[in-house]
Amino acid sequence: MPRVHASHEVKDVQHWLSSPKREEVFGPLGVTEIKTYVDPEGSNRVGLTMNVADMDAVMGLMQTQEGIDAMEHDGVIPETLVILIES
């Protein structure tokens, strides 16, 4: 199960941190150990790491209306999203 790192900017860091959407959306896909990260300099750049059982399912979800709505709910700025996979 690969470990994935995703970083992006958000509109409101505190809202993003407190949102249950990550677990709600990714949990049913078998994503585990979601951990959140924030920029210690106080910018709106955040990140997360997670274990992903099916990367195709996760990437596919992000293209659906459910995925788009989840990102919007969390205040994610989609064009800033960068995904890295542990090698």
N, C-alpha and C. Protein backbone atom coordinates (compact mmCIF):
# COMPACT_ATOMS: atom_id res chain seq x y z
N MET A 1 0.86 -1.17 0.00
CA MET A 1 0.00 0.00 0.00
C MET A 1 0.90 1.23 0.00
N PRO A 2 0.88 2.01 -1.07
CA PRO A 2 1.76 3.17 -1.13
C PRO A 2 1.36 4.29 -0.17
N ARG A 3 2.36 4.99 0.28
CA ARG A 3 2.16 6.18 1.10
C ARG A 3 2.14 7.36 0.14
N VAL A 4 1.17 8.23 0.29
CA VAL A 4 0.98 9.35 -0.62
C VAL A 4 1.08 10.66 0.18
N HIS A 5 1.71 11.64 -0.45
CA HIS A 5 1.78 12.99 0.12
C HIS A 5 1.06 13.92 -0.84
N ALA A 6 0.16 14.73 -0.33
CA ALA A 6 -0.52 15.73 -1.15
C ALA A 6 -0.37 17.07 -0.45
N SER A 7 -0.06 18.10 -1.21
CA SER A 7 -0.01 19.45 -0.65
C SER A 7 -0.78 20.38 -1.56
N HIS A 8 -1.31 21.42 -0.96
CA HIS A 8 -2.10 22.40 -1.70
C HIS A 8 -2.34 23.60 -0.81
N GLU A 9 -2.90 24.62 -1.38
CA GLU A 9 -3.29 25.80 -0.61
C GLU A 9 -4.78 25.70 -0.30
N VAL A 10 -5.17 26.33 0.80
CA VAL A 10 -6.57 26.37 1.20
C VAL A 10 -6.96 27.81 1.53
N LYS A 11 -8.24 28.06 1.53
CA LYS A 11 -8.74 29.39 1.85
C LYS A 11 -8.64 29.68 3.35
N ASP A 12 -8.85 28.65 4.18
CA ASP A 12 -8.86 28.82 5.64
C ASP A 12 -8.24 27.58 6.27
N VAL A 13 -7.05 27.72 6.81
CA VAL A 13 -6.31 26.58 7.36
C VAL A 13 -7.07 25.92 8.51
N GLN A 14 -7.61 26.72 9.43
CA GLN A 14 -8.31 26.13 10.58
C GLN A 14 -9.55 25.34 10.14
N HIS A 15 -10.28 25.86 9.17
CA HIS A 15 -11.44 25.13 8.66
C HIS A 15 -11.00 23.81 8.05
N TRP A 16 -9.94 23.84 7.24
CA TRP A 16 -9.42 22.63 6.60
C TRP A 16 -9.01 21.60 7.65
N LEU A 17 -8.30 22.04 8.67
CA LEU A 17 -7.85 21.12 9.72
C LEU A 17 -9.01 20.46 10.45
N SER A 18 -10.07 21.19 10.69
CA SER A 18 -11.19 20.65 11.47
C SER A 18 -12.22 19.88 10.64
N SER A 19 -12.07 19.89 9.33
CA SER A 19 -13.06 19.25 8.46
C SER A 19 -13.02 17.72 8.55
N PRO A 20 -14.18 17.09 8.63
CA PRO A 20 -14.25 15.63 8.61
C PRO A 20 -14.28 15.05 7.19
N LYS A 21 -14.26 15.89 6.17
CA LYS A 21 -14.43 15.43 4.78
C LYS A 21 -13.37 14.43 4.33
N ARG A 22 -12.12 14.60 4.75
CA ARG A 22 -11.06 13.67 4.31
C ARG A 22 -11.44 12.24 4.68
N GLU A 23 -11.81 12.04 5.93
CA GLU A 23 -12.18 10.70 6.40
C GLU A 23 -13.45 10.21 5.71
N GLU A 24 -14.43 11.10 5.56
CA GLU A 24 -15.71 10.72 4.95
C GLU A 24 -15.53 10.27 3.51
N VAL A 25 -14.69 10.97 2.76
CA VAL A 25 -14.54 10.71 1.33
C VAL A 25 -13.52 9.61 1.05
N PHE A 26 -12.37 9.67 1.73
CA PHE A 26 -11.31 8.70 1.44
C PHE A 26 -11.44 7.40 2.23
N GLY A 27 -12.04 7.44 3.40
CA GLY A 27 -12.18 6.24 4.23
C GLY A 27 -12.81 5.06 3.51
N PRO A 28 -13.95 5.26 2.82
CA PRO A 28 -14.59 4.15 2.12
C PRO A 28 -13.72 3.55 0.99
N LEU A 29 -12.69 4.26 0.57
CA LEU A 29 -11.79 3.76 -0.48
C LEU A 29 -10.62 2.98 0.09
N GLY A 30 -10.62 2.78 1.42
CA GLY A 30 -9.54 2.04 2.04
C GLY A 30 -8.32 2.87 2.38
N VAL A 31 -8.46 4.19 2.34
CA VAL A 31 -7.36 5.08 2.70
C VAL A 31 -7.24 5.09 4.23
N THR A 32 -6.00 4.93 4.71
CA THR A 32 -5.77 4.88 6.16
C THR A 32 -4.64 5.82 6.55
N GLU A 33 -4.51 6.02 7.83
CA GLU A 33 -3.44 6.82 8.43
C GLU A 33 -3.29 8.20 7.80
N ILE A 34 -4.41 8.90 7.70
CA ILE A 34 -4.37 10.26 7.17
C ILE A 34 -3.81 11.19 8.24
N LYS A 35 -2.74 11.89 7.90
CA LYS A 35 -2.12 12.84 8.82
C LYS A 35 -2.05 14.19 8.12
N THR A 36 -2.33 15.25 8.85
CA THR A 36 -2.34 16.60 8.28
C THR A 36 -1.10 17.38 8.70
N TYR A 37 -0.74 18.33 7.84
CA TYR A 37 0.45 19.16 8.06
C TYR A 37 0.13 20.61 7.68
N VAL A 38 0.76 21.54 8.37
CA VAL A 38 0.58 22.96 8.06
C VAL A 38 1.95 23.61 7.93
N ASP A 39 1.98 24.69 7.21
CA ASP A 39 3.21 25.47 7.03
C ASP A 39 3.51 26.19 8.34
N PRO A 40 4.66 25.95 8.95
CA PRO A 40 4.99 26.62 10.22
C PRO A 40 5.18 28.13 10.07
N GLU A 41 5.32 28.60 8.83
CA GLU A 41 5.47 30.04 8.60
C GLU A 41 4.12 30.75 8.53
N GLY A 42 3.02 29.98 8.61
CA GLY A 42 1.70 30.59 8.66
C GLY A 42 1.04 30.87 7.33
N SER A 43 1.55 30.31 6.24
CA SER A 43 0.88 30.51 4.95
C SER A 43 -0.36 29.63 4.89
N ASN A 44 -1.05 29.69 3.78
CA ASN A 44 -2.23 28.84 3.61
C ASN A 44 -1.89 27.53 2.90
N ARG A 45 -0.60 27.16 2.87
CA ARG A 45 -0.15 25.89 2.29
C ARG A 45 -0.28 24.81 3.35
N VAL A 46 -0.96 23.71 3.00
CA VAL A 46 -1.16 22.58 3.90
C VAL A 46 -0.81 21.30 3.16
N GLY A 47 -0.76 20.21 3.89
CA GLY A 47 -0.49 18.93 3.25
C GLY A 47 -1.05 17.79 4.07
N LEU A 48 -1.02 16.63 3.47
CA LEU A 48 -1.43 15.44 4.18
C LEU A 48 -0.68 14.24 3.63
N THR A 49 -0.55 13.23 4.47
CA THR A 49 -0.02 11.95 4.03
C THR A 49 -1.08 10.91 4.35
N MET A 50 -1.07 9.84 3.57
CA MET A 50 -2.06 8.79 3.77
C MET A 50 -1.59 7.52 3.07
N ASN A 51 -2.05 6.39 3.57
CA ASN A 51 -1.82 5.11 2.91
C ASN A 51 -2.99 4.87 1.98
N VAL A 52 -2.69 4.57 0.73
CA VAL A 52 -3.75 4.43 -0.29
C VAL A 52 -3.72 3.03 -0.86
N ALA A 53 -4.81 2.30 -0.67
CA ALA A 53 -4.91 0.93 -1.18
C ALA A 53 -5.08 0.90 -2.69
N ASP A 54 -5.83 1.86 -3.24
CA ASP A 54 -6.13 1.87 -4.67
C ASP A 54 -6.00 3.30 -5.19
N MET A 55 -4.83 3.60 -5.73
CA MET A 55 -4.55 4.96 -6.20
C MET A 55 -5.49 5.36 -7.34
N ASP A 56 -5.83 4.42 -8.23
CA ASP A 56 -6.75 4.73 -9.32
C ASP A 56 -8.12 5.16 -8.78
N ALA A 57 -8.57 4.50 -7.72
CA ALA A 57 -9.88 4.86 -7.13
C ALA A 57 -9.83 6.26 -6.54
N VAL A 58 -8.74 6.58 -5.85
CA VAL A 58 -8.61 7.91 -5.24
C VAL A 58 -8.55 8.99 -6.32
N MET A 59 -7.72 8.77 -7.34
CA MET A 59 -7.61 9.77 -8.41
C MET A 59 -8.93 9.89 -9.17
N GLY A 60 -9.61 8.79 -9.37
CA GLY A 60 -10.92 8.83 -10.04
C GLY A 60 -11.93 9.61 -9.24
N LEU A 61 -11.94 9.40 -7.93
CA LEU A 61 -12.88 10.11 -7.06
C LEU A 61 -12.69 11.61 -7.16
N MET A 62 -11.44 12.04 -7.26
CA MET A 62 -11.17 13.47 -7.30
C MET A 62 -11.71 14.14 -8.56
N GLN A 63 -12.05 13.35 -9.56
CA GLN A 63 -12.62 13.88 -10.80
C GLN A 63 -14.14 13.88 -10.78
N THR A 64 -14.74 13.27 -9.74
CA THR A 64 -16.20 13.19 -9.66
C THR A 64 -16.75 14.44 -8.97
N GLN A 65 -18.05 14.62 -9.06
CA GLN A 65 -18.69 15.75 -8.38
C GLN A 65 -18.51 15.63 -6.87
N GLU A 66 -18.56 14.40 -6.34
CA GLU A 66 -18.35 14.21 -4.90
C GLU A 66 -16.97 14.70 -4.48
N GLY A 67 -15.96 14.37 -5.25
CA GLY A 67 -14.60 14.81 -4.94
C GLY A 67 -14.44 16.31 -5.07
N ILE A 68 -15.01 16.86 -6.12
CA ILE A 68 -14.95 18.31 -6.33
C ILE A 68 -15.66 19.04 -5.19
N ASP A 69 -16.84 18.52 -4.80
CA ASP A 69 -17.59 19.14 -3.70
C ASP A 69 -16.82 19.05 -2.38
N ALA A 70 -16.14 17.93 -2.14
CA ALA A 70 -15.36 17.77 -0.91
C ALA A 70 -14.21 18.78 -0.86
N MET A 71 -13.51 18.93 -1.99
CA MET A 71 -12.43 19.91 -2.02
C MET A 71 -12.97 21.32 -1.81
N GLU A 72 -14.10 21.62 -2.44
CA GLU A 72 -14.70 22.94 -2.27
C GLU A 72 -15.11 23.16 -0.82
N HIS A 73 -15.71 22.16 -0.21
CA HIS A 73 -16.12 22.26 1.20
C HIS A 73 -14.92 22.57 2.10
N ASP A 74 -13.79 21.94 1.80
CA ASP A 74 -12.59 22.13 2.61
C ASP A 74 -11.80 23.38 2.24
N GLY A 75 -12.23 24.09 1.20
CA GLY A 75 -11.55 25.31 0.80
C GLY A 75 -10.26 25.09 0.05
N VAL A 76 -10.12 23.89 -0.54
CA VAL A 76 -8.91 23.57 -1.31
C VAL A 76 -8.89 24.40 -2.59
N ILE A 77 -7.73 24.93 -2.92
CA ILE A 77 -7.53 25.64 -4.18
C ILE A 77 -6.95 24.60 -5.14
N PRO A 78 -7.79 24.00 -6.00
CA PRO A 78 -7.41 22.83 -6.79
C PRO A 78 -6.17 22.99 -7.66
N GLU A 79 -5.97 24.17 -8.21
CA GLU A 79 -4.83 24.35 -9.11
C GLU A 79 -3.49 24.33 -8.38
N THR A 80 -3.50 24.32 -7.06
CA THR A 80 -2.25 24.26 -6.29
C THR A 80 -1.91 22.85 -5.82
N LEU A 81 -2.77 21.89 -6.14
CA LEU A 81 -2.60 20.51 -5.67
C LEU A 81 -1.40 19.82 -6.31
N VAL A 82 -0.55 19.24 -5.45
CA VAL A 82 0.61 18.46 -5.88
C VAL A 82 0.54 17.12 -5.13
N ILE A 83 0.60 16.01 -5.87
CA ILE A 83 0.55 14.68 -5.26
C ILE A 83 1.86 13.97 -5.54
N LEU A 84 2.45 13.40 -4.48
CA LEU A 84 3.67 12.63 -4.59
C LEU A 84 3.42 11.24 -4.00
N ILE A 85 4.01 10.22 -4.61
CA ILE A 85 3.85 8.85 -4.15
C ILE A 85 5.19 8.32 -3.68
N GLU A 86 5.20 7.71 -2.51
CA GLU A 86 6.44 7.14 -1.96
C GLU A 86 6.99 6.09 -2.93
N SER A 87 8.28 6.14 -3.14
CA SER A 87 8.88 5.15 -4.05
C SER A 87 9.80 4.22 -3.29
